[in-house]
Amino acid sequence: MRDIPTPIIITQPMRYVASLRRGEKAKIRGIRGTALSSKRLADLGFVNESTVEMLMPGSTCIVRINGTVLALGTGYQTVVELLTGESLATSAVA
């Protein structure tokens, strides 16, 4: 009888908007917030598969989504989940 190797499952930690670096882009996986915050973010364009770009990280960050530049406070940065392994090309911003 042959030994069957046990598969190794590698899980990646969840990424949020707050983890993006300046100039980095990623696709949105979903929103993990209250119904009110989820609706508010969806109304601003934060919906599945949309691309978000970090323009200026910080406690109040500035992002671009669907051609619109928005400021997000810390509370909103940590509820927008990003697709892991799906980061788009980063562009260096001086």
C-alpha atoms as a PDB file:
ATOM      1  CA  MET A   1       0.000   0.000   0.000  1.00  0.00           C
ATOM      2  CA  ARG A   2       1.357   3.416  -0.966  1.00  0.00           C
ATOM      3  CA  ASP A   3       1.499   6.294   1.448  1.00  0.00           C
ATOM      4  CA  ILE A   4      -0.649   9.126   0.202  1.00  0.00           C
ATOM      5  CA  PRO A   5       0.793  12.486   1.187  1.00  0.00           C
ATOM      6  CA  THR A   6      -1.441  14.749   3.171  1.00  0.00           C
ATOM      7  CA  PRO A   7      -2.214  17.894   1.178  1.00  0.00           C
ATOM      8  CA  ILE A   8      -0.890  21.108   2.611  1.00  0.00           C
ATOM      9  CA  ILE A   9      -3.526  23.789   2.768  1.00  0.00           C
ATOM     10  CA  ILE A  10      -2.148  27.286   2.693  1.00  0.00           C
ATOM     11  CA  THR A  11      -4.568  29.911   3.840  1.00  0.00           C
ATOM     12  CA  GLN A  12      -3.867  33.523   3.196  1.00  0.00           C
ATOM     13  CA  PRO A  13      -4.922  36.112   5.732  1.00  0.00           C
ATOM     14  CA  MET A  14      -7.841  38.304   4.753  1.00  0.00           C
ATOM     15  CA  ARG A  15      -6.759  41.592   3.206  1.00  0.00           C
ATOM     16  CA  TYR A  16      -8.565  44.859   3.715  1.00  0.00           C
ATOM     17  CA  VAL A  17      -8.285  48.303   2.126  1.00  0.00           C
ATOM     18  CA  ALA A  18      -6.170  49.376   5.110  1.00  0.00           C
ATOM     19  CA  SER A  19      -3.450  46.914   3.995  1.00  0.00           C
ATOM     20  CA  LEU A  20      -2.947  48.484   0.558  1.00  0.00           C
ATOM     21  CA  ARG A  21       0.215  50.463  -0.102  1.00  0.00           C
ATOM     22  CA  ARG A  22       0.331  53.720  -2.043  1.00  0.00           C
ATOM     23  CA  GLY A  23      -0.334  53.020  -5.722  1.00  0.00           C
ATOM     24  CA  GLU A  24      -1.486  49.435  -5.111  1.00  0.00           C
ATOM     25  CA  LYS A  25      -4.729  48.211  -6.680  1.00  0.00           C
ATOM     26  CA  ALA A  26      -6.908  45.266  -5.719  1.00  0.00           C
ATOM     27  CA  LYS A  27     -10.349  43.879  -6.452  1.00  0.00           C
ATOM     28  CA  ILE A  28     -13.071  43.945  -3.830  1.00  0.00           C
ATOM     29  CA  ARG A  29     -14.253  40.605  -2.459  1.00  0.00           C
ATOM     30  CA  GLY A  30     -17.005  41.894  -0.215  1.00  0.00           C
ATOM     31  CA  ILE A  31     -18.027  44.056   2.716  1.00  0.00           C
ATOM     32  CA  ARG A  32     -18.054  42.824   6.313  1.00  0.00           C
ATOM     33  CA  GLY A  33     -19.934  45.490   8.142  1.00  0.00           C
ATOM     34  CA  THR A  34     -23.326  46.407   9.411  1.00  0.00           C
ATOM     35  CA  ALA A  35     -26.195  46.614   6.955  1.00  0.00           C
ATOM     36  CA  LEU A  36     -25.976  50.409   7.078  1.00  0.00           C
ATOM     37  CA  SER A  37     -22.222  50.609   6.441  1.00  0.00           C
ATOM     38  CA  SER A  38     -22.443  47.932   3.724  1.00  0.00           C
ATOM     39  CA  LYS A  39     -25.181  49.868   1.923  1.00  0.00           C
ATOM     40  CA  ARG A  40     -23.320  53.155   2.284  1.00  0.00           C
ATOM     41  CA  LEU A  41     -20.134  51.649   0.830  1.00  0.00           C
ATOM     42  CA  ALA A  42     -22.062  49.922  -1.975  1.00  0.00           C
ATOM     43  CA  ASP A  43     -23.688  53.245  -2.862  1.00  0.00           C
ATOM     44  CA  LEU A  44     -20.168  54.720  -3.171  1.00  0.00           C
ATOM     45  CA  GLY A  45     -19.135  51.949  -5.574  1.00  0.00           C
ATOM     46  CA  PHE A  46     -17.532  49.424  -3.215  1.00  0.00           C
ATOM     47  CA  VAL A  47     -19.086  46.325  -4.765  1.00  0.00           C
ATOM     48  CA  ASN A  48     -17.693  42.862  -5.585  1.00  0.00           C
ATOM     49  CA  GLU A  49     -15.102  42.784  -8.368  1.00  0.00           C
ATOM     50  CA  SER A  50     -14.666  46.584  -8.429  1.00  0.00           C
ATOM     51  CA  THR A  51     -11.064  47.781  -8.424  1.00  0.00           C
ATOM     52  CA  VAL A  52      -9.883  50.036  -5.619  1.00  0.00           C
ATOM     53  CA  GLU A  53      -6.587  51.946  -5.753  1.00  0.00           C
ATOM     54  CA  MET A  54      -4.830  53.367  -2.693  1.00  0.00           C
ATOM     55  CA  LEU A  55      -3.775  56.939  -3.373  1.00  0.00           C
ATOM     56  CA  MET A  56      -2.765  57.960   0.151  1.00  0.00           C
ATOM     57  CA  PRO A  57      -2.695  55.509   3.069  1.00  0.00           C
ATOM     58  CA  GLY A  58      -3.299  56.681   6.618  1.00  0.00           C
ATOM     59  CA  SER A  59      -5.881  56.809   9.379  1.00  0.00           C
ATOM     60  CA  THR A  60      -8.055  58.591   6.847  1.00  0.00           C
ATOM     61  CA  CYS A  61      -6.943  57.175   3.514  1.00  0.00           C
ATOM     62  CA  ILE A  62      -7.694  58.396   0.025  1.00  0.00           C
ATOM     63  CA  VAL A  63      -8.716  55.813  -2.580  1.00  0.00           C
ATOM     64  CA  ARG A  64      -9.920  55.791  -6.160  1.00  0.00           C
ATOM     65  CA  ILE A  65     -12.827  53.571  -7.122  1.00  0.00           C
ATOM     66  CA  ASN A  66     -14.709  53.699 -10.414  1.00  0.00           C
ATOM     67  CA  GLY A  67     -12.953  56.963 -11.296  1.00  0.00           C
ATOM     68  CA  THR A  68     -14.051  58.686  -8.090  1.00  0.00           C
ATOM     69  CA  VAL A  69     -11.616  59.783  -5.383  1.00  0.00           C
ATOM     70  CA  LEU A  70     -12.894  59.193  -1.846  1.00  0.00           C
ATOM     71  CA  ALA A  71     -11.598  59.529   1.717  1.00  0.00           C
ATOM     72  CA  LEU A  72     -12.210  56.557   4.019  1.00  0.00           C
ATOM     73  CA  GLY A  73     -11.909  56.617   7.778  1.00  0.00           C
ATOM     74  CA  THR A  74     -10.349  53.735   9.703  1.00  0.00           C
ATOM     75  CA  GLY A  75     -13.700  52.083  10.387  1.00  0.00           C
ATOM     76  CA  TYR A  76     -14.525  51.735   6.695  1.00  0.00           C
ATOM     77  CA  GLN A  77     -10.995  50.643   5.721  1.00  0.00           C
ATOM     78  CA  THR A  78     -11.271  47.518   7.840  1.00  0.00           C
ATOM     79  CA  VAL A  79     -14.612  46.231   6.513  1.00  0.00           C
ATOM     80  CA  VAL A  80     -13.840  46.238   2.767  1.00  0.00           C
ATOM     81  CA  GLU A  81     -12.362  42.798   2.009  1.00  0.00           C
ATOM     82  CA  LEU A  82     -10.027  42.367  -0.940  1.00  0.00           C
ATOM     83  CA  LEU A  83      -9.432  39.308  -3.081  1.00  0.00           C
ATOM     84  CA  THR A  84      -6.136  37.766  -1.997  1.00  0.00           C
ATOM     85  CA  GLY A  85      -3.734  36.802  -4.714  1.00  0.00           C
ATOM     86  CA  GLU A  86      -5.667  39.052  -7.077  1.00  0.00           C
ATOM     87  CA  SER A  87      -3.738  42.275  -6.540  1.00  0.00           C
ATOM     88  CA  LEU A  88      -3.334  44.208  -9.733  1.00  0.00           C
ATOM     89  CA  ALA A  89      -0.091  45.716 -10.942  1.00  0.00           C
ATOM     90  CA  THR A  90       1.242  48.356  -8.600  1.00  0.00           C
ATOM     91  CA  SER A  91       2.478  51.639  -9.894  1.00  0.00           C
ATOM     92  CA  ALA A  92       5.121  53.566  -8.034  1.00  0.00           C
ATOM     93  CA  VAL A  93       3.916  56.915  -6.825  1.00  0.00           C
ATOM     94  CA  ALA A  94       6.649  59.347  -5.856  1.00  0.00           C
END
